[in-house]
Amino acid sequence: METQIQRVTHEIQYRGIGYLIFRHCAAAERDRQLPREIQYLEEQGAKEIYVASTDPEAPLAEGEIGTIRLTHVHDMLEMERDLDGNRPRRGGRLRAVPLTEVLGEQWLTLYNEAFSTVPNAATYGREELAEMLVKPGSCGFVMEDDMPVGIYELDLQTGEIEGIGLAETARGRGLGRELLLLAMDLLAERGNKSCWLQVSTGNQAAYQLYQKTGFCTRRVRSRWFKAETTGQKERNTEEDGI
């Protein structure tokens, strides 16, 4: 079996977080490679490192692998529900405005604000914005009256709610549920019979909202562990002369 290990370094420059995914890797080879991969991400500037394995033959578990301690932090789930006539209806507080090139920078700023603390979320830049602009109708702003309070990103072909988020100032007023129902309506209007999304169990507010709105888990996509070098705290203490 060919070893496939994916390093995700994009978020190091924004959040100091590095990700490591073992796609295909025998357990013994994984254990040998893990300390090397952790060291590489640390050398790239990662202050926090999270690891997952999508190889069913080499799952990860809490504990120590060589010099690395793994602590389970959250699971990434796929959830789905039908878009039939029995789905909940929104109250009309929000409306969607499609993304345009003129409003691109504003959309980027609001997107990154909305997902700044979401586990496993990506920071978008101009490259990602360019990709959004060639998919008319799939992305846009969510407006309350005439004020942008959130964003949406949809896959109109598969029915995936790729991302919905609110600005910090718009939270705590029940708009999250309204935003979710708006995204569902947009997909239903495009002929989708069902919708699905990904959510981290660490994002309890979103996870509970999806459950209350009738979404069911169809599979665990990945299990994530925080990786720390054993003895790191002790070494830092010694270096500080404490």
C-alpha atoms as a PDB file:
ATOM      1  CA  MET A   1       0.000   0.000   0.000  1.00  0.00           C
ATOM      2  CA  GLU A   2       1.343   3.393  -0.982  1.00  0.00           C
ATOM      3  CA  THR A   3       1.675   5.772   1.943  1.00  0.00           C
ATOM      4  CA  GLN A   4      -0.326   8.974   1.567  1.00  0.00           C
ATOM      5  CA  ILE A   5       0.077  11.694   4.194  1.00  0.00           C
ATOM      6  CA  GLN A   6      -1.503  15.122   3.717  1.00  0.00           C
ATOM      7  CA  ARG A   7      -0.025  18.183   5.394  1.00  0.00           C
ATOM      8  CA  VAL A   8      -2.304  21.211   5.652  1.00  0.00           C
ATOM      9  CA  THR A   9      -0.208  24.303   6.306  1.00  0.00           C
ATOM     10  CA  HIS A  10      -2.514  27.043   4.996  1.00  0.00           C
ATOM     11  CA  GLU A  11      -3.817  28.001   8.441  1.00  0.00           C
ATOM     12  CA  ILE A  12      -0.382  28.325  10.045  1.00  0.00           C
ATOM     13  CA  GLN A  13       0.025  31.892   8.786  1.00  0.00           C
ATOM     14  CA  TYR A  14      -3.442  32.913   9.982  1.00  0.00           C
ATOM     15  CA  ARG A  15      -4.055  30.960  13.192  1.00  0.00           C
ATOM     16  CA  GLY A  16      -0.823  29.155  13.937  1.00  0.00           C
ATOM     17  CA  ILE A  17      -2.571  25.815  13.356  1.00  0.00           C
ATOM     18  CA  GLY A  18      -1.238  22.908  11.299  1.00  0.00           C
ATOM     19  CA  TYR A  19      -3.186  19.811  10.257  1.00  0.00           C
ATOM     20  CA  LEU A  20      -1.992  16.321   9.374  1.00  0.00           C
ATOM     21  CA  ILE A  21      -4.129  13.643   7.720  1.00  0.00           C
ATOM     22  CA  PHE A  22      -3.052  10.030   7.219  1.00  0.00           C
ATOM     23  CA  ARG A  23      -4.957   9.042   4.074  1.00  0.00           C
ATOM     24  CA  HIS A  24      -3.311   5.634   3.539  1.00  0.00           C
ATOM     25  CA  CYS A  25      -0.667   4.398   5.900  1.00  0.00           C
ATOM     26  CA  ALA A  26       0.092   1.121   7.665  1.00  0.00           C
ATOM     27  CA  ALA A  27      -0.051   1.492  11.445  1.00  0.00           C
ATOM     28  CA  ALA A  28       3.651   0.803  11.932  1.00  0.00           C
ATOM     29  CA  GLU A  29       4.603   3.311   9.232  1.00  0.00           C
ATOM     30  CA  ARG A  30       2.193   5.876  10.695  1.00  0.00           C
ATOM     31  CA  ASP A  31       3.829   5.561  14.102  1.00  0.00           C
ATOM     32  CA  ARG A  32       7.243   6.018  12.537  1.00  0.00           C
ATOM     33  CA  GLN A  33       6.249   9.030  10.442  1.00  0.00           C
ATOM     34  CA  LEU A  34       4.152  10.885  13.029  1.00  0.00           C
ATOM     35  CA  PRO A  35       7.012  12.493  15.032  1.00  0.00           C
ATOM     36  CA  ARG A  36       8.734  13.578  11.805  1.00  0.00           C
ATOM     37  CA  GLU A  37       5.568  15.134  10.426  1.00  0.00           C
ATOM     38  CA  ILE A  38       4.855  16.933  13.710  1.00  0.00           C
ATOM     39  CA  GLN A  39       8.393  18.311  13.733  1.00  0.00           C
ATOM     40  CA  TYR A  40       7.982  19.551  10.147  1.00  0.00           C
ATOM     41  CA  LEU A  41       4.773  21.432  10.992  1.00  0.00           C
ATOM     42  CA  GLU A  42       6.394  22.948  14.069  1.00  0.00           C
ATOM     43  CA  GLU A  43       9.313  24.119  11.936  1.00  0.00           C
ATOM     44  CA  GLN A  44       6.772  25.804   9.624  1.00  0.00           C
ATOM     45  CA  GLY A  45       5.514  27.799  12.607  1.00  0.00           C
ATOM     46  CA  ALA A  46       2.559  25.735  13.842  1.00  0.00           C
ATOM     47  CA  LYS A  47       1.749  26.403  17.499  1.00  0.00           C
ATOM     48  CA  GLU A  48      -1.072  23.858  17.545  1.00  0.00           C
ATOM     49  CA  ILE A  49      -1.237  20.647  15.505  1.00  0.00           C
ATOM     50  CA  TYR A  50      -4.240  18.425  14.866  1.00  0.00           C
ATOM     51  CA  VAL A  51      -4.077  14.933  13.392  1.00  0.00           C
ATOM     52  CA  ALA A  52      -6.619  12.592  11.799  1.00  0.00           C
ATOM     53  CA  SER A  53      -6.540   9.262   9.986  1.00  0.00           C
ATOM     54  CA  THR A  54      -9.000   8.361   7.246  1.00  0.00           C
ATOM     55  CA  ASP A  55      -7.446   4.911   6.783  1.00  0.00           C
ATOM     56  CA  PRO A  56      -9.719   2.330   8.482  1.00  0.00           C
ATOM     57  CA  GLU A  57      -6.724   0.006   8.794  1.00  0.00           C
ATOM     58  CA  ALA A  58      -4.788   2.544  10.871  1.00  0.00           C
ATOM     59  CA  PRO A  59      -7.217   4.487  13.104  1.00  0.00           C
ATOM     60  CA  LEU A  60      -5.919   6.867  15.743  1.00  0.00           C
ATOM     61  CA  ALA A  61      -6.732   6.744  19.429  1.00  0.00           C
ATOM     62  CA  GLU A  62      -5.908   8.733  22.526  1.00  0.00           C
ATOM     63  CA  GLY A  63      -2.550   7.935  24.028  1.00  0.00           C
ATOM     64  CA  GLU A  64       1.104   8.194  23.181  1.00  0.00           C
ATOM     65  CA  ILE A  65       2.812   7.214  19.946  1.00  0.00           C
ATOM     66  CA  GLY A  66       6.514   7.440  20.508  1.00  0.00           C
ATOM     67  CA  THR A  67       7.199  11.001  21.629  1.00  0.00           C
ATOM     68  CA  ILE A  68       3.735  12.264  20.606  1.00  0.00           C
ATOM     69  CA  ARG A  69       0.715  12.467  22.883  1.00  0.00           C
ATOM     70  CA  LEU A  70      -2.688  12.419  21.158  1.00  0.00           C
ATOM     71  CA  THR A  71      -5.799  13.858  22.800  1.00  0.00           C
ATOM     72  CA  HIS A  72      -9.194  13.487  21.098  1.00  0.00           C
ATOM     73  CA  VAL A  73     -10.812  16.908  20.567  1.00  0.00           C
ATOM     74  CA  HIS A  74     -13.702  16.489  18.142  1.00  0.00           C
ATOM     75  CA  ASP A  75     -15.226  14.517  15.274  1.00  0.00           C
ATOM     76  CA  MET A  76     -16.196  15.841  11.864  1.00  0.00           C
ATOM     77  CA  LEU A  77     -19.660  14.587  10.959  1.00  0.00           C
ATOM     78  CA  GLU A  78     -21.712  14.532   7.781  1.00  0.00           C
ATOM     79  CA  MET A  79     -25.376  15.287   8.494  1.00  0.00           C
ATOM     80  CA  GLU A  80     -28.342  15.349   6.117  1.00  0.00           C
ATOM     81  CA  ARG A  81     -32.073  15.879   5.911  1.00  0.00           C
ATOM     82  CA  ASP A  82     -34.814  15.939   3.284  1.00  0.00           C
ATOM     83  CA  LEU A  83     -36.003  19.178   1.715  1.00  0.00           C
ATOM     84  CA  ASP A  84     -39.608  18.059   1.603  1.00  0.00           C
ATOM     85  CA  GLY A  85     -42.709  20.034   2.443  1.00  0.00           C
ATOM     86  CA  ASN A  86     -42.426  19.107   6.107  1.00  0.00           C
ATOM     87  CA  ARG A  87     -39.209  21.036   6.650  1.00  0.00           C
ATOM     88  CA  PRO A  88     -39.318  24.007   9.056  1.00  0.00           C
ATOM     89  CA  ARG A  89     -40.143  27.366   7.511  1.00  0.00           C
ATOM     90  CA  ARG A  90     -38.236  30.567   8.124  1.00  0.00           C
ATOM     91  CA  GLY A  91     -39.800  33.724   9.447  1.00  0.00           C
ATOM     92  CA  GLY A  92     -38.647  36.071   6.710  1.00  0.00           C
ATOM     93  CA  ARG A  93     -36.200  38.060   8.821  1.00  0.00           C
ATOM     94  CA  LEU A  94     -33.331  37.375   6.410  1.00  0.00           C
ATOM     95  CA  ARG A  95     -32.863  37.505   2.661  1.00  0.00           C
ATOM     96  CA  ALA A  96     -30.077  36.368   0.363  1.00  0.00           C
ATOM     97  CA  VAL A  97     -28.040  38.658  -1.892  1.00  0.00           C
ATOM     98  CA  PRO A  98     -25.751  36.842  -4.368  1.00  0.00           C
ATOM     99  CA  LEU A  99     -22.012  37.516  -4.328  1.00  0.00           C
ATOM    100  CA  THR A 100     -20.630  39.924  -6.945  1.00  0.00           C
ATOM    101  CA  GLU A 101     -17.097  40.960  -7.781  1.00  0.00           C
ATOM    102  CA  VAL A 102     -17.750  44.492  -6.487  1.00  0.00           C
ATOM    103  CA  LEU A 103     -18.677  43.125  -3.059  1.00  0.00           C
ATOM    104  CA  GLY A 104     -15.967  40.466  -3.022  1.00  0.00           C
ATOM    105  CA  GLU A 105     -13.672  42.020  -0.421  1.00  0.00           C
ATOM    106  CA  GLN A 106     -16.580  42.689   1.926  1.00  0.00           C
ATOM    107  CA  TRP A 107     -17.724  39.068   1.563  1.00  0.00           C
ATOM    108  CA  LEU A 108     -14.203  37.803   2.327  1.00  0.00           C
ATOM    109  CA  THR A 109     -13.972  39.894   5.477  1.00  0.00           C
ATOM    110  CA  LEU A 110     -17.355  38.752   6.732  1.00  0.00           C
ATOM    111  CA  TYR A 111     -16.645  35.103   5.864  1.00  0.00           C
ATOM    112  CA  ASN A 112     -13.372  35.038   7.774  1.00  0.00           C
ATOM    113  CA  GLU A 113     -14.946  36.788  10.744  1.00  0.00           C
ATOM    114  CA  ALA A 114     -17.812  34.280  10.857  1.00  0.00           C
ATOM    115  CA  PHE A 115     -15.487  31.263  10.823  1.00  0.00           C
ATOM    116  CA  SER A 116     -12.586  32.620  12.870  1.00  0.00           C
ATOM    117  CA  THR A 117     -13.240  30.296  15.822  1.00  0.00           C
ATOM    118  CA  VAL A 118     -14.856  27.322  14.071  1.00  0.00           C
ATOM    119  CA  PRO A 119     -12.873  24.049  14.372  1.00  0.00           C
ATOM    120  CA  ASN A 120     -11.236  22.943  11.110  1.00  0.00           C
ATOM    121  CA  ALA A 121     -12.481  26.021   9.243  1.00  0.00           C
ATOM    122  CA  ALA A 122     -10.372  27.505   6.458  1.00  0.00           C
ATOM    123  CA  THR A 123      -9.361  31.129   6.028  1.00  0.00           C
ATOM    124  CA  TYR A 124     -10.305  32.419   2.577  1.00  0.00           C
ATOM    125  CA  GLY A 125      -8.232  34.750   0.435  1.00  0.00           C
ATOM    126  CA  ARG A 126      -8.426  36.158  -3.079  1.00  0.00           C
ATOM    127  CA  GLU A 127      -7.791  32.753  -4.675  1.00  0.00           C
ATOM    128  CA  GLU A 128     -10.819  31.246  -2.938  1.00  0.00           C
ATOM    129  CA  LEU A 129     -12.861  34.353  -3.769  1.00  0.00           C
ATOM    130  CA  ALA A 130     -12.062  33.910  -7.464  1.00  0.00           C
ATOM    131  CA  GLU A 131     -13.385  30.354  -7.255  1.00  0.00           C
ATOM    132  CA  MET A 132     -16.600  31.561  -5.630  1.00  0.00           C
ATOM    133  CA  LEU A 133     -17.234  34.167  -8.320  1.00  0.00           C
ATOM    134  CA  VAL A 134     -17.326  31.584 -11.127  1.00  0.00           C
ATOM    135  CA  LYS A 135     -20.187  29.732  -9.411  1.00  0.00           C
ATOM    136  CA  PRO A 136     -23.147  32.142  -9.781  1.00  0.00           C
ATOM    137  CA  GLY A 137     -25.770  31.844  -7.075  1.00  0.00           C
ATOM    138  CA  SER A 138     -23.750  29.552  -4.842  1.00  0.00           C
ATOM    139  CA  CYS A 139     -22.417  32.235  -2.478  1.00  0.00           C
ATOM    140  CA  GLY A 140     -23.630  35.503  -1.108  1.00  0.00           C
ATOM    141  CA  PHE A 141     -24.601  37.741   1.769  1.00  0.00           C
ATOM    142  CA  VAL A 142     -27.410  37.312   4.242  1.00  0.00           C
ATOM    143  CA  MET A 143     -29.208  40.580   4.868  1.00  0.00           C
ATOM    144  CA  GLU A 144     -31.326  41.732   7.797  1.00  0.00           C
ATOM    145  CA  ASP A 145     -33.184  44.756   6.511  1.00  0.00           C
ATOM    146  CA  ASP A 146     -30.405  46.349   4.427  1.00  0.00           C
ATOM    147  CA  MET A 147     -27.485  45.265   6.597  1.00  0.00           C
ATOM    148  CA  PRO A 148     -25.233  42.268   5.812  1.00  0.00           C
ATOM    149  CA  VAL A 149     -25.235  40.063   8.920  1.00  0.00           C
ATOM    150  CA  GLY A 150     -23.865  36.804   7.514  1.00  0.00           C
ATOM    151  CA  ILE A 151     -22.761  34.753   4.533  1.00  0.00           C
ATOM    152  CA  TYR A 152     -23.644  31.508   2.808  1.00  0.00           C
ATOM    153  CA  GLU A 153     -21.741  29.118   0.557  1.00  0.00           C
ATOM    154  CA  LEU A 154     -23.629  26.301  -1.170  1.00  0.00           C
ATOM    155  CA  ASP A 155     -22.927  23.489  -3.609  1.00  0.00           C
ATOM    156  CA  LEU A 156     -25.963  23.696  -5.860  1.00  0.00           C
ATOM    157  CA  GLN A 157     -25.141  20.401  -7.570  1.00  0.00           C
ATOM    158  CA  THR A 158     -24.793  18.133  -4.541  1.00  0.00           C
ATOM    159  CA  GLY A 159     -27.047  20.008  -2.131  1.00  0.00           C
ATOM    160  CA  GLU A 160     -24.255  20.671   0.345  1.00  0.00           C
ATOM    161  CA  ILE A 161     -24.448  23.611   2.725  1.00  0.00           C
ATOM    162  CA  GLU A 162     -20.722  24.264   2.572  1.00  0.00           C
ATOM    163  CA  GLY A 163     -20.768  27.179   4.957  1.00  0.00           C
ATOM    164  CA  ILE A 164     -23.169  29.501   6.750  1.00  0.00           C
ATOM    165  CA  GLY A 165     -22.040  32.020   9.326  1.00  0.00           C
ATOM    166  CA  LEU A 166     -23.048  35.170  11.154  1.00  0.00           C
ATOM    167  CA  ALA A 167     -21.084  38.278  12.024  1.00  0.00           C
ATOM    168  CA  GLU A 168     -20.271  38.503  15.717  1.00  0.00           C
ATOM    169  CA  THR A 169     -22.626  41.454  16.169  1.00  0.00           C
ATOM    170  CA  ALA A 170     -25.555  39.434  14.773  1.00  0.00           C
ATOM    171  CA  ARG A 171     -25.255  36.479  17.140  1.00  0.00           C
ATOM    172  CA  GLY A 172     -27.488  35.717  20.079  1.00  0.00           C
ATOM    173  CA  ARG A 173     -30.702  36.869  18.401  1.00  0.00           C
ATOM    174  CA  GLY A 174     -31.919  33.588  16.917  1.00  0.00           C
ATOM    175  CA  LEU A 175     -30.655  34.370  13.433  1.00  0.00           C
ATOM    176  CA  GLY A 176     -28.619  31.167  13.167  1.00  0.00           C
ATOM    177  CA  ARG A 177     -31.722  29.029  12.698  1.00  0.00           C
ATOM    178  CA  GLU A 178     -33.172  31.541  10.237  1.00  0.00           C
ATOM    179  CA  LEU A 179     -29.929  31.480   8.238  1.00  0.00           C
ATOM    180  CA  LEU A 180     -29.941  27.672   8.097  1.00  0.00           C
ATOM    181  CA  LEU A 181     -33.550  27.610   6.879  1.00  0.00           C
ATOM    182  CA  LEU A 182     -32.726  30.245   4.259  1.00  0.00           C
ATOM    183  CA  ALA A 183     -29.874  28.086   2.929  1.00  0.00           C
ATOM    184  CA  MET A 184     -32.216  25.095   2.789  1.00  0.00           C
ATOM    185  CA  ASP A 185     -34.757  27.145   0.844  1.00  0.00           C
ATOM    186  CA  LEU A 186     -32.132  28.251  -1.683  1.00  0.00           C
ATOM    187  CA  LEU A 187     -31.157  24.628  -2.328  1.00  0.00           C
ATOM    188  CA  ALA A 188     -34.788  23.514  -2.583  1.00  0.00           C
ATOM    189  CA  GLU A 189     -35.475  26.276  -5.116  1.00  0.00           C
ATOM    190  CA  ARG A 190     -32.678  24.819  -7.274  1.00  0.00           C
ATOM    191  CA  GLY A 191     -34.415  21.440  -7.291  1.00  0.00           C
ATOM    192  CA  ASN A 192     -32.458  19.635  -4.595  1.00  0.00           C
ATOM    193  CA  LYS A 193     -34.521  17.003  -2.775  1.00  0.00           C
ATOM    194  CA  SER A 194     -32.184  16.825   0.202  1.00  0.00           C
ATOM    195  CA  CYS A 195     -29.284  18.729   1.703  1.00  0.00           C
ATOM    196  CA  TRP A 196     -26.228  17.854   3.731  1.00  0.00           C
ATOM    197  CA  LEU A 197     -23.403  19.544   5.601  1.00  0.00           C
ATOM    198  CA  GLN A 198     -20.316  18.941   7.673  1.00  0.00           C
ATOM    199  CA  VAL A 199     -20.044  19.957  11.308  1.00  0.00           C
ATOM    200  CA  SER A 200     -17.582  19.508  14.130  1.00  0.00           C
ATOM    201  CA  THR A 201     -18.858  18.051  17.386  1.00  0.00           C
ATOM    202  CA  GLY A 202     -16.664  20.714  18.960  1.00  0.00           C
ATOM    203  CA  ASN A 203     -18.948  23.367  17.502  1.00  0.00           C
ATOM    204  CA  GLN A 204     -21.750  22.598  19.931  1.00  0.00           C
ATOM    205  CA  ALA A 205     -24.006  25.527  19.016  1.00  0.00           C
ATOM    206  CA  ALA A 206     -24.101  24.559  15.334  1.00  0.00           C
ATOM    207  CA  TYR A 207     -24.264  20.817  16.032  1.00  0.00           C
ATOM    208  CA  GLN A 208     -27.264  21.202  18.334  1.00  0.00           C
ATOM    209  CA  LEU A 209     -28.989  23.556  15.879  1.00  0.00           C
ATOM    210  CA  TYR A 210     -28.700  21.000  13.079  1.00  0.00           C
ATOM    211  CA  GLN A 211     -30.056  18.242  15.291  1.00  0.00           C
ATOM    212  CA  LYS A 212     -33.045  20.374  16.334  1.00  0.00           C
ATOM    213  CA  THR A 213     -33.708  21.205  12.672  1.00  0.00           C
ATOM    214  CA  GLY A 214     -34.012  17.543  11.712  1.00  0.00           C
ATOM    215  CA  PHE A 215     -30.530  16.739  10.430  1.00  0.00           C
ATOM    216  CA  CYS A 216     -29.310  13.201  11.099  1.00  0.00           C
ATOM    217  CA  THR A 217     -25.721  11.960  11.125  1.00  0.00           C
ATOM    218  CA  ARG A 218     -24.975   9.783   8.120  1.00  0.00           C
ATOM    219  CA  ARG A 219     -21.338   9.114   8.937  1.00  0.00           C
ATOM    220  CA  VAL A 220     -18.317  10.189  10.951  1.00  0.00           C
ATOM    221  CA  ARG A 221     -16.051  11.737   8.372  1.00  0.00           C
ATOM    222  CA  SER A 222     -12.945  11.964  10.566  1.00  0.00           C
ATOM    223  CA  ARG A 223     -11.805  11.938  14.198  1.00  0.00           C
ATOM    224  CA  TRP A 224      -9.382  14.665  15.231  1.00  0.00           C
ATOM    225  CA  PHE A 225      -6.684  14.600  17.870  1.00  0.00           C
ATOM    226  CA  LYS A 226      -4.479  17.330  19.251  1.00  0.00           C
ATOM    227  CA  ALA A 227      -0.834  16.288  18.956  1.00  0.00           C
ATOM    228  CA  GLU A 228       1.716  17.417  21.521  1.00  0.00           C
ATOM    229  CA  THR A 229       5.319  16.391  21.983  1.00  0.00           C
ATOM    230  CA  THR A 230       5.642  14.640  25.347  1.00  0.00           C
ATOM    231  CA  GLY A 231       7.917  16.467  27.729  1.00  0.00           C
ATOM    232  CA  GLN A 232       7.459  19.766  25.843  1.00  0.00           C
ATOM    233  CA  LYS A 233       6.162  21.584  28.924  1.00  0.00           C
ATOM    234  CA  GLU A 234       8.955  20.191  31.057  1.00  0.00           C
ATOM    235  CA  ARG A 235      11.578  21.338  28.562  1.00  0.00           C
ATOM    236  CA  ASN A 236      10.049  24.825  28.350  1.00  0.00           C
ATOM    237  CA  THR A 237      10.092  25.062  32.152  1.00  0.00           C
ATOM    238  CA  GLU A 238      13.742  24.117  32.299  1.00  0.00           C
ATOM    239  CA  GLU A 239      14.611  26.651  29.602  1.00  0.00           C
ATOM    240  CA  ASP A 240      12.802  29.386  31.555  1.00  0.00           C
ATOM    241  CA  GLY A 241      14.826  28.533  34.670  1.00  0.00           C
ATOM    242  CA  ILE A 242      11.738  27.655  36.712  1.00  0.00           C
END
